[in-house]
Amino acid sequence: MDHFLSTAINIICYAILGYFFLINTLYALFMILSFFGIFHYRHISFFVRVKEIFHLPLIKPISIIVPTYNEEQTIIESVQSLLSLEYPLYEVIVVNDGSTDLTLEKLILTFHLKKTNFVFRKSLETKPIKAIYTSTLNHKLIVVDKIRGQKADALNAGLNIARYPLFCAIDSDSILEKDALLKIVRPFIEDPEKAVAAGGIIRLSNGCLIKRGQVVKVGMPRNILARFQIIEYLRAFLGGRIALSILQSILIISGAFGVFRKDTTLECGGYRTETIGEDMDLIIRMKKYLHQKKKPHRVYFIPDPICWTAAPETLKSLANQRKRWHIGLIESLTHNFKMLFNPRYGVTGLFAMPFYLIFEMLGPLIEFFGYIIFLIFIVLGRINYPYTVLFFLLAVIYGTLISLLSILLEEYSPHRFSRLSDILTLSLFAFLENILYRQFLTAVRFKAFFDFLLGKKEWGEMEKKGFSVKAAKT
């Protein structure tokens, strides 16, 4: 019996080690693909300047939809940023989703809003709209005041109001760089028949100096959690999404910044309000719909259009955010589980969906049990030295190398951290990330499975923090 138990434990141990080796090797290959992707993007950008796109006759107008709830500290800076974008024709639709603070009042006072009899077609069902305002200072701004219905419902309300063929979904606590729309719209110009969605890179505004709705100086945040998240974002966007875009396997455009075809989105029924992962859910349903209609399509990731957003700086807010993200991932995959390993859906069904299932959704479970087995060995005084060494090499050293490669990609891409001290700090945190921080997030995502099974899908309280008016580190 003891021999059988020992054999079973060894099999489980080396299966977990194999998983760590496989996932880190995949991410290493993604890094290599991303390098060539960035090189290709820089090559194209050299011949086609951003300012030239501004004057192209085929450029399409964009409706920017900004769902907002209790964002009185950041909403004015965000809207000012959006109204100052460099783009030929666009509108900004701020959807106040039942805020209980001074969000609406600040918008009315700052932009001189007045109620209007705005006529629109209700293509999607939403919570009732109480009033629609337009600005007497800037004709591009429209503010919708509605009953609380969560983010997906607010986005659907914005889609009903939107007048243009493309729409940009952006979080209200985010800031776009002035030329972000000009850069992200490129796929819709170069490949208008296939391009259905495009996302840009998200960077953290923590520690940055912001004036008049624009980041004027990039700084390294003092907050330790924010520094860890910089590494995560670089690895996810520069290392992951560029490669997945090349492989035509992107299943998520960040809710903080993405551009979509409005007609395709409406044909899919808009955003699904039953999920808290509306951004990923929409992309999967769009792909499902277009595959079923046998329409060629593609989702792009552009590494240069930059959206700045504030990261959580407390453990509670970070835990709520990551739990929500993981539950949204589980919901999106389970809701569309018939696409898994289904050749009818091409690379989406045969690679993208299985990848997100095995390495993103189930990853926390496997990693959590890996740590538990490791601790059991220590408690029982039966340390399996080959397993311990391999676990350390694969889970810590290999993972750290992946993070360091993402920092290298940041330097090769249109980088924002120009000082050597910042690069050295990020490199240090790439190693420290594997000590407690990674285990904390694994535990949070592990718990998300049980919350999902118990039907706990509340958003959770998020820390509301205004943008910095002073760089955290100079």
Protein backbone atom coordinates (compact mmCIF):
# COMPACT_ATOMS: atom_id res chain seq x y z
CA MET A 1 0.00 0.00 0.00
CA ASP A 2 2.83 2.37 0.92
CA HIS A 3 4.58 1.54 -2.34
CA PHE A 4 1.39 2.29 -4.31
CA LEU A 5 0.87 5.61 -2.49
CA SER A 6 4.49 6.60 -2.99
CA THR A 7 4.27 5.79 -6.71
CA ALA A 8 1.04 7.78 -7.08
CA ILE A 9 2.55 10.81 -5.34
CA ASN A 10 5.62 10.65 -7.56
CA ILE A 11 3.46 10.52 -10.68
CA ILE A 12 1.49 13.57 -9.51
CA CYS A 13 4.68 15.43 -8.64
CA TYR A 14 6.31 14.91 -12.00
CA ALA A 15 3.05 15.67 -13.81
CA ILE A 16 3.02 19.05 -12.06
CA LEU A 17 6.67 19.59 -12.98
CA GLY A 18 5.84 18.74 -16.58
CA TYR A 19 3.05 21.29 -16.50
CA PHE A 20 5.40 24.03 -15.24
CA PHE A 21 7.95 23.13 -17.92
CA LEU A 22 5.31 23.18 -20.66
CA ILE A 23 3.67 26.47 -19.70
CA ASN A 24 6.97 28.33 -19.28
CA THR A 25 8.30 26.89 -22.53
CA LEU A 26 5.17 28.07 -24.31
CA TYR A 27 5.62 31.55 -22.87
CA ALA A 28 9.27 31.51 -23.92
CA LEU A 29 8.18 30.69 -27.47
CA PHE A 30 5.59 33.47 -27.20
CA MET A 31 8.40 35.88 -26.28
CA ILE A 32 10.31 34.92 -29.43
CA LEU A 33 7.19 35.38 -31.57
CA SER A 34 6.53 38.71 -29.87
CA PHE A 35 10.03 39.90 -30.70
CA PHE A 36 9.40 39.30 -34.41
CA GLY A 37 5.94 40.85 -34.06
CA ILE A 38 7.36 44.05 -32.57
CA PHE A 39 10.10 44.10 -35.21
CA HIS A 40 7.44 43.84 -37.94
CA TYR A 41 5.36 46.58 -36.34
CA ARG A 42 8.34 48.91 -36.08
CA HIS A 43 9.20 48.19 -39.73
CA ILE A 44 5.66 49.10 -40.87
CA SER A 45 5.60 52.19 -38.63
CA PHE A 46 8.81 53.40 -40.26
CA PHE A 47 7.15 53.56 -43.67
CA VAL A 48 3.65 54.65 -42.63
CA ARG A 49 3.73 57.51 -40.15
CA VAL A 50 0.87 57.95 -37.69
CA LYS A 51 0.15 61.48 -38.94
CA GLU A 52 -0.35 60.10 -42.46
CA ILE A 53 -3.19 57.86 -41.20
CA PHE A 54 -5.00 61.00 -40.06
CA HIS A 55 -5.45 62.10 -43.68
CA LEU A 56 -6.39 58.72 -45.21
CA PRO A 57 -9.82 58.87 -46.92
CA LEU A 58 -10.77 55.38 -45.70
CA ILE A 59 -10.42 56.18 -42.00
CA LYS A 60 -13.65 55.44 -40.13
CA PRO A 61 -15.23 57.56 -37.38
CA ILE A 62 -15.26 56.10 -33.88
CA SER A 63 -17.67 56.26 -30.96
CA ILE A 64 -15.81 56.10 -27.63
CA ILE A 65 -17.99 54.54 -24.93
CA VAL A 66 -17.00 55.19 -21.32
CA PRO A 67 -19.06 53.30 -18.69
CA THR A 68 -18.57 54.93 -15.31
CA TYR A 69 -19.70 54.26 -11.77
CA ASN A 70 -18.57 56.37 -8.79
CA GLU A 71 -15.46 57.76 -10.51
CA GLU A 72 -15.61 61.33 -9.21
CA GLN A 73 -11.86 61.37 -8.55
CA THR A 74 -10.75 60.45 -12.08
CA ILE A 75 -13.63 61.12 -14.48
CA ILE A 76 -12.73 64.73 -15.38
CA GLU A 77 -9.10 63.89 -16.22
CA SER A 78 -10.25 60.91 -18.29
CA VAL A 79 -12.83 62.84 -20.29
CA GLN A 80 -10.43 65.72 -20.90
CA SER A 81 -7.94 63.18 -22.20
CA LEU A 82 -10.51 61.68 -24.57
CA LEU A 83 -11.66 65.06 -25.88
CA SER A 84 -8.08 65.97 -26.80
CA LEU A 85 -7.31 62.88 -28.90
CA GLU A 86 -5.86 63.29 -32.39
CA TYR A 87 -8.47 61.74 -34.69
CA PRO A 88 -10.50 63.17 -37.59
CA LEU A 89 -14.02 62.30 -36.40
CA TYR A 90 -15.15 60.76 -33.14
CA GLU A 91 -17.60 61.16 -30.29
CA VAL A 92 -17.24 60.50 -26.57
CA ILE A 93 -20.22 58.83 -24.86
CA VAL A 94 -19.92 58.75 -21.08
CA VAL A 95 -22.48 56.39 -19.55
CA ASN A 96 -23.10 57.23 -15.89
CA ASP A 97 -24.29 53.87 -14.58
CA GLY A 98 -26.21 54.98 -11.52
CA SER A 99 -23.31 56.62 -9.65
CA THR A 100 -24.05 57.54 -6.05
CA ASP A 101 -21.19 60.03 -5.69
CA LEU A 102 -20.58 63.35 -7.50
CA THR A 103 -19.56 61.85 -10.86
CA LEU A 104 -22.53 63.27 -12.79
CA GLU A 105 -22.49 66.62 -10.98
CA LYS A 106 -18.80 67.14 -11.77
CA LEU A 107 -19.39 66.31 -15.43
CA ILE A 108 -22.30 68.76 -15.64
CA LEU A 109 -20.33 71.60 -14.04
CA THR A 110 -17.02 71.03 -15.83
CA PHE A 111 -18.35 70.54 -19.36
CA HIS A 112 -21.50 72.70 -19.13
CA LEU A 113 -23.87 69.86 -19.88
CA LYS A 114 -27.52 70.39 -20.78
CA LYS A 115 -30.34 67.90 -21.21
CA THR A 116 -31.32 67.10 -24.77
CA ASN A 117 -33.98 65.12 -26.63
CA PHE A 118 -31.49 62.74 -28.20
CA VAL A 119 -33.13 60.35 -30.69
CA PHE A 120 -31.65 56.86 -30.93
CA ARG A 121 -32.60 53.32 -31.91
CA LYS A 122 -32.79 50.89 -29.00
CA SER A 123 -31.05 47.90 -30.58
CA LEU A 124 -30.13 46.35 -27.22
CA GLU A 125 -32.19 46.03 -24.04
CA THR A 126 -30.76 47.96 -21.09
CA LYS A 127 -31.76 49.45 -17.77
CA PRO A 128 -33.83 52.64 -18.19
CA ILE A 129 -32.10 55.84 -19.27
CA LYS A 130 -32.99 58.83 -17.10
CA ALA A 131 -31.47 61.61 -19.19
CA ILE A 132 -29.07 62.37 -22.04
CA TYR A 133 -26.82 65.43 -21.91
CA THR A 134 -24.69 67.21 -24.47
CA SER A 135 -21.88 69.67 -23.82
CA THR A 136 -22.10 73.32 -24.80
CA LEU A 137 -18.30 73.48 -24.67
CA ASN A 138 -17.47 70.48 -26.87
CA HIS A 139 -19.92 68.99 -29.39
CA LYS A 140 -18.14 65.60 -29.25
CA LEU A 141 -19.26 64.88 -25.68
CA ILE A 142 -22.49 63.05 -24.82
CA VAL A 143 -23.33 61.97 -21.26
CA VAL A 144 -25.96 59.30 -20.59
CA ASP A 145 -27.44 59.03 -17.10
CA LYS A 146 -29.09 55.66 -16.44
CA ILE A 147 -30.26 53.27 -13.76
CA ARG A 148 -27.52 51.03 -12.33
CA GLY A 149 -27.03 47.91 -14.42
CA GLN A 150 -23.30 47.05 -14.22
CA LYS A 151 -20.62 47.57 -16.84
CA ALA A 152 -21.97 45.36 -19.65
CA ASP A 153 -25.38 47.03 -19.44
CA ALA A 154 -23.75 50.47 -19.55
CA LEU A 155 -21.75 49.48 -22.64
CA ASN A 156 -24.93 48.28 -24.34
CA ALA A 157 -26.60 51.61 -23.55
CA GLY A 158 -23.63 53.36 -25.13
CA LEU A 159 -23.93 51.14 -28.21
CA ASN A 160 -27.56 52.21 -28.59
CA ILE A 161 -26.48 55.85 -28.59
CA ALA A 162 -23.35 55.40 -30.73
CA ARG A 163 -23.61 56.80 -34.29
CA TYR A 164 -20.38 55.53 -35.88
CA PRO A 165 -19.35 52.16 -37.44
CA LEU A 166 -16.49 51.57 -34.99
CA PHE A 167 -16.68 51.92 -31.23
CA CYS A 168 -13.98 52.08 -28.59
CA ALA A 169 -14.71 50.67 -25.14
CA ILE A 170 -12.60 52.25 -22.42
CA ASP A 171 -12.65 52.29 -18.63
CA SER A 172 -13.45 55.61 -17.01
CA ASP A 173 -10.30 55.50 -14.89
CA SER A 174 -8.08 55.16 -17.97
CA ILE A 175 -6.21 57.70 -20.09
CA LEU A 176 -5.37 57.33 -23.79
CA GLU A 177 -2.30 58.86 -25.36
CA LYS A 178 -3.20 61.46 -27.98
CA ASP A 179 -2.40 59.29 -31.01
CA ALA A 180 -3.80 56.02 -29.60
CA LEU A 181 -6.85 55.92 -31.89
CA LEU A 182 -4.75 56.66 -34.99
CA LYS A 183 -2.55 53.67 -34.17
CA ILE A 184 -5.21 51.19 -33.15
CA VAL A 185 -7.45 51.88 -36.16
CA ARG A 186 -4.77 50.67 -38.61
CA PRO A 187 -6.11 47.07 -38.94
CA PHE A 188 -9.54 48.42 -39.89
CA ILE A 189 -7.90 50.39 -42.72
CA GLU A 190 -5.49 47.72 -43.95
CA ASP A 191 -7.88 44.78 -43.57
CA PRO A 192 -11.41 46.26 -43.43
CA GLU A 193 -13.23 43.03 -44.34
CA LYS A 194 -11.58 40.80 -41.72
CA ALA A 195 -10.75 43.14 -38.84
CA VAL A 196 -13.50 42.95 -36.20
CA ALA A 197 -11.61 44.01 -33.06
CA ALA A 198 -8.27 45.43 -31.97
CA GLY A 199 -6.69 46.04 -28.59
CA GLY A 200 -3.77 48.14 -27.44
CA ILE A 201 -1.28 47.81 -24.64
CA ILE A 202 -2.28 48.76 -21.11
CA ARG A 203 0.29 50.44 -18.90
CA LEU A 204 0.03 51.52 -15.28
CA SER A 205 -0.33 55.18 -14.37
CA ASN A 206 0.76 54.59 -10.77
CA GLY A 207 3.71 56.88 -10.10
CA CYS A 208 3.19 58.90 -13.30
CA LEU A 209 2.72 62.65 -13.52
CA ILE A 210 -0.52 63.56 -15.29
CA LYS A 211 -1.49 67.02 -16.50
CA ARG A 212 -4.55 68.00 -18.54
CA GLY A 213 -5.49 64.41 -19.20
CA GLN A 214 -2.08 63.28 -20.47
CA VAL A 215 0.84 61.40 -18.94
CA VAL A 216 3.71 63.90 -19.09
CA LYS A 217 6.22 61.93 -17.04
CA VAL A 218 6.55 58.22 -16.39
CA GLY A 219 7.70 57.34 -12.89
CA MET A 220 8.31 54.18 -10.91
CA PRO A 221 5.55 53.83 -8.26
CA ARG A 222 6.56 53.59 -4.61
CA ASN A 223 3.84 51.06 -3.93
CA ILE A 224 5.26 47.53 -3.99
CA LEU A 225 2.07 45.90 -5.34
CA ALA A 226 2.01 48.33 -8.26
CA ARG A 227 5.61 47.43 -9.15
CA PHE A 228 4.74 43.73 -9.23
CA GLN A 229 1.80 44.49 -11.51
CA ILE A 230 4.03 46.36 -13.97
CA ILE A 231 5.90 43.08 -14.51
CA GLU A 232 2.62 41.20 -14.95
CA TYR A 233 1.29 43.67 -17.50
CA LEU A 234 4.51 43.65 -19.53
CA ARG A 235 4.53 39.85 -19.57
CA ALA A 236 0.84 39.58 -20.45
CA PHE A 237 0.72 42.21 -23.19
CA LEU A 238 4.19 42.27 -24.75
CA GLY A 239 4.92 38.59 -24.17
CA GLY A 240 1.49 37.03 -24.50
CA ARG A 241 -0.95 38.98 -26.60
CA ILE A 242 1.42 39.93 -29.41
CA ALA A 243 2.22 36.24 -29.92
CA LEU A 244 -1.43 35.19 -29.61
CA SER A 245 -2.34 37.84 -32.17
CA ILE A 246 0.22 36.40 -34.60
CA LEU A 247 -1.26 32.93 -33.97
CA GLN A 248 -4.78 34.36 -34.46
CA SER A 249 -5.66 33.09 -30.99
CA ILE A 250 -6.56 36.21 -29.01
CA LEU A 251 -9.70 35.62 -26.94
CA ILE A 252 -9.68 38.84 -24.97
CA ILE A 253 -9.43 42.53 -25.71
CA SER A 254 -8.93 44.34 -22.43
CA GLY A 255 -12.02 46.15 -21.21
CA ALA A 256 -9.77 49.12 -20.47
CA PHE A 257 -9.11 49.81 -24.18
CA GLY A 258 -10.38 48.12 -27.33
CA VAL A 259 -11.93 49.03 -30.70
CA PHE A 260 -14.68 46.92 -32.31
CA ARG A 261 -16.95 46.85 -35.32
CA LYS A 262 -20.34 47.99 -34.16
CA ASP A 263 -22.37 45.97 -36.69
CA THR A 264 -20.72 42.67 -35.74
CA THR A 265 -21.16 43.42 -32.04
CA LEU A 266 -24.87 44.11 -32.49
CA GLU A 267 -25.31 40.96 -34.58
CA CYS A 268 -23.86 39.00 -31.64
CA GLY A 269 -26.35 40.60 -29.26
CA GLY A 270 -24.00 43.14 -27.72
CA TYR A 271 -22.41 42.56 -24.34
CA ARG A 272 -23.81 39.70 -22.28
CA THR A 273 -25.00 41.13 -18.96
CA GLU A 274 -25.02 37.77 -17.16
CA THR A 275 -21.23 37.70 -16.93
CA ILE A 276 -18.67 39.83 -15.12
CA GLY A 277 -16.06 39.03 -17.81
CA GLU A 278 -17.87 40.89 -20.58
CA ASP A 279 -14.67 41.76 -22.50
CA MET A 280 -13.52 38.17 -23.06
CA ASP A 281 -17.07 36.88 -23.45
CA LEU A 282 -17.73 39.29 -26.33
CA ILE A 283 -14.62 38.25 -28.30
CA ILE A 284 -15.40 34.54 -27.94
CA ARG A 285 -19.02 35.02 -29.01
CA MET A 286 -17.93 37.17 -31.96
CA LYS A 287 -15.55 34.43 -33.09
CA LYS A 288 -18.23 31.79 -32.58
CA TYR A 289 -20.77 33.76 -34.60
CA LEU A 290 -18.37 34.56 -37.45
CA HIS A 291 -17.16 30.96 -37.68
CA GLN A 292 -20.75 29.75 -37.86
CA LYS A 293 -21.46 32.29 -40.61
CA LYS A 294 -18.18 31.25 -42.29
CA LYS A 295 -17.02 34.86 -42.43
CA PRO A 296 -13.24 35.44 -42.48
CA HIS A 297 -12.27 37.54 -39.50
CA ARG A 298 -9.37 38.53 -37.30
CA VAL A 299 -8.76 40.08 -33.89
CA TYR A 300 -5.62 42.22 -33.62
CA PHE A 301 -3.33 43.38 -30.87
CA ILE A 302 -1.30 46.53 -31.56
CA PRO A 303 1.71 46.97 -29.22
CA ASP A 304 2.02 50.74 -29.48
CA PRO A 305 -1.34 52.47 -28.77
CA ILE A 306 -1.04 53.10 -25.07
CA CYS A 307 -3.78 53.27 -22.48
CA TRP A 308 -2.79 54.26 -18.96
CA THR A 309 -4.78 52.92 -16.03
CA ALA A 310 -4.35 52.83 -12.26
CA ALA A 311 -3.53 49.49 -10.64
CA PRO A 312 -4.83 48.47 -7.19
CA GLU A 313 -2.44 49.34 -4.39
CA THR A 314 -3.99 47.31 -1.56
CA LEU A 315 -4.20 43.54 -1.16
CA LYS A 316 -7.98 43.67 -0.80
CA SER A 317 -8.52 45.61 -4.03
CA LEU A 318 -6.02 43.45 -5.90
CA ALA A 319 -7.68 40.27 -4.67
CA ASN A 320 -11.14 41.52 -5.70
CA GLN A 321 -9.87 42.47 -9.15
CA ARG A 322 -8.10 39.16 -9.83
CA LYS A 323 -10.96 37.09 -8.44
CA ARG A 324 -13.35 38.94 -10.74
CA TRP A 325 -11.04 38.41 -13.73
CA HIS A 326 -10.76 34.69 -13.07
CA ILE A 327 -14.47 34.17 -12.55
CA GLY A 328 -15.04 36.04 -15.82
CA LEU A 329 -12.57 33.69 -17.53
CA ILE A 330 -14.34 30.62 -16.14
CA GLU A 331 -17.74 31.98 -17.20
CA SER A 332 -16.58 32.78 -20.73
CA LEU A 333 -15.04 29.35 -21.30
CA THR A 334 -17.87 27.34 -19.73
CA HIS A 335 -20.53 29.36 -21.54
CA ASN A 336 -18.87 28.51 -24.87
CA PHE A 337 -17.52 25.05 -23.96
CA LYS A 338 -18.86 23.49 -27.19
CA MET A 339 -16.11 25.34 -29.06
CA LEU A 340 -13.38 23.44 -27.17
CA PHE A 341 -11.39 21.08 -29.43
CA ASN A 342 -14.02 21.64 -32.14
CA PRO A 343 -12.44 21.86 -35.64
CA ARG A 344 -15.50 23.79 -36.82
CA TYR A 345 -14.05 26.83 -35.06
CA GLY A 346 -10.58 26.55 -36.60
CA VAL A 347 -7.59 27.67 -34.56
CA THR A 348 -9.95 29.17 -31.95
CA GLY A 349 -11.43 25.77 -31.10
CA LEU A 350 -8.29 23.68 -31.57
CA PHE A 351 -5.68 25.91 -29.92
CA ALA A 352 -6.92 29.18 -28.38
CA MET A 353 -9.75 27.74 -26.27
CA PRO A 354 -7.70 24.73 -25.02
CA PHE A 355 -4.77 27.04 -24.22
CA TYR A 356 -6.91 29.35 -22.09
CA LEU A 357 -8.59 26.33 -20.45
CA ILE A 358 -5.44 24.41 -19.54
CA PHE A 359 -2.97 27.19 -18.80
CA GLU A 360 -5.12 30.13 -17.72
CA MET A 361 -8.25 28.68 -16.16
CA LEU A 362 -6.82 25.49 -14.62
CA GLY A 363 -3.36 26.93 -13.99
CA PRO A 364 -4.10 28.14 -10.42
CA LEU A 365 -5.45 24.71 -9.42
CA ILE A 366 -2.36 22.89 -10.66
CA GLU A 367 0.04 25.45 -9.21
CA PHE A 368 -1.79 25.48 -5.88
CA PHE A 369 -1.53 21.70 -5.53
CA GLY A 370 2.14 21.92 -6.49
CA TYR A 371 2.77 24.23 -3.55
CA ILE A 372 0.69 22.03 -1.22
CA ILE A 373 2.70 18.91 -2.10
CA PHE A 374 5.90 20.86 -1.61
CA LEU A 375 4.77 21.94 1.88
CA ILE A 376 3.67 18.41 2.78
CA PHE A 377 7.14 17.11 1.99
CA ILE A 378 8.65 19.75 4.29
CA VAL A 379 6.20 19.12 7.17
CA LEU A 380 6.69 15.34 7.02
CA GLY A 381 10.44 15.72 6.79
CA ARG A 382 10.48 13.68 3.60
CA ILE A 383 11.92 16.21 1.21
CA ASN A 384 12.14 14.86 -2.33
CA TYR A 385 15.31 16.65 -3.38
CA PRO A 386 15.03 16.00 -7.15
CA TYR A 387 11.43 17.27 -7.07
CA THR A 388 12.39 20.27 -4.92
CA VAL A 389 15.26 21.30 -7.20
CA LEU A 390 13.23 20.85 -10.38
CA PHE A 391 10.23 22.65 -8.87
CA PHE A 392 12.45 25.60 -7.93
CA LEU A 393 14.08 25.70 -11.36
CA LEU A 394 10.83 25.44 -13.32
CA ALA A 395 8.50 27.50 -11.11
CA VAL A 396 10.92 30.20 -9.98
CA ILE A 397 14.02 30.46 -12.17
CA TYR A 398 12.32 29.67 -15.49
CA GLY A 399 9.43 31.98 -14.61
CA THR A 400 11.83 34.77 -13.67
CA LEU A 401 13.62 34.45 -17.00
CA ILE A 402 10.27 34.86 -18.80
CA SER A 403 9.63 38.06 -16.84
CA LEU A 404 13.12 39.36 -17.63
CA LEU A 405 12.49 38.69 -21.31
CA SER A 406 9.30 40.76 -21.09
CA ILE A 407 11.36 43.66 -19.68
CA LEU A 408 13.74 43.24 -22.62
CA LEU A 409 10.76 43.42 -24.98
CA GLU A 410 9.70 46.61 -23.24
CA GLU A 411 13.06 48.12 -24.10
CA TYR A 412 12.76 47.01 -27.73
CA SER A 413 9.17 48.25 -28.08
CA PRO A 414 8.24 51.97 -27.77
CA HIS A 415 9.48 51.85 -24.18
CA ARG A 416 8.51 54.26 -21.45
CA PHE A 417 11.04 53.40 -18.74
CA SER A 418 14.11 55.25 -19.98
CA ARG A 419 16.20 55.28 -16.80
CA LEU A 420 18.59 52.45 -15.95
CA SER A 421 17.47 52.55 -12.31
CA ASP A 422 13.88 51.77 -13.37
CA ILE A 423 15.00 48.81 -15.47
CA LEU A 424 17.09 47.46 -12.59
CA THR A 425 14.15 47.89 -10.21
CA LEU A 426 11.84 45.98 -12.55
CA SER A 427 14.44 43.23 -12.94
CA LEU A 428 14.65 42.86 -9.16
CA PHE A 429 10.87 42.65 -8.86
CA ALA A 430 10.80 40.05 -11.65
CA PHE A 431 12.63 37.76 -9.22
CA LEU A 432 10.84 38.89 -6.04
CA GLU A 433 7.50 38.27 -7.76
CA ASN A 434 7.98 34.55 -7.10
CA ILE A 435 8.22 35.10 -3.35
CA LEU A 436 4.74 35.39 -1.76
CA TYR A 437 3.21 37.68 -4.44
CA ARG A 438 2.71 34.91 -7.00
CA GLN A 439 1.49 32.52 -4.30
CA PHE A 440 -0.99 35.13 -3.07
CA LEU A 441 -2.50 35.50 -6.57
CA THR A 442 -2.58 31.72 -6.99
CA ALA A 443 -4.58 31.43 -3.76
CA VAL A 444 -6.95 34.21 -4.88
CA ARG A 445 -7.60 32.58 -8.25
CA PHE A 446 -7.93 29.18 -6.57
CA LYS A 447 -10.66 30.61 -4.34
CA ALA A 448 -12.35 32.06 -7.43
CA PHE A 449 -13.27 28.51 -8.50
CA PHE A 450 -15.27 27.99 -5.32
CA ASP A 451 -16.90 31.41 -5.57
CA PHE A 452 -17.92 30.55 -9.13
CA LEU A 453 -19.40 27.20 -8.06
CA LEU A 454 -21.27 28.91 -5.21
CA GLY A 455 -22.61 31.57 -7.58
CA LYS A 456 -20.70 34.44 -5.91
CA LYS A 457 -20.15 36.82 -8.80
CA GLU A 458 -20.26 40.21 -7.15
CA TRP A 459 -17.74 42.78 -8.33
CA GLY A 460 -16.31 43.45 -4.89
CA GLU A 461 -15.25 46.82 -3.54
CA MET A 462 -12.47 48.48 -5.49
CA GLU A 463 -10.18 51.17 -4.18
CA LYS A 464 -10.94 54.50 -5.85
CA LYS A 465 -7.82 56.57 -6.25
CA GLY A 466 -7.28 59.74 -8.21
CA PHE A 467 -4.48 60.19 -10.71
CA SER A 468 -1.14 61.36 -9.36
CA VAL A 469 -0.38 65.04 -9.68
CA LYS A 470 3.17 64.35 -8.65
CA ALA A 471 5.47 61.59 -9.83
CA ALA A 472 6.09 59.04 -7.14
CA LYS A 473 9.78 58.79 -7.91
CA THR A 474 11.93 61.26 -9.77
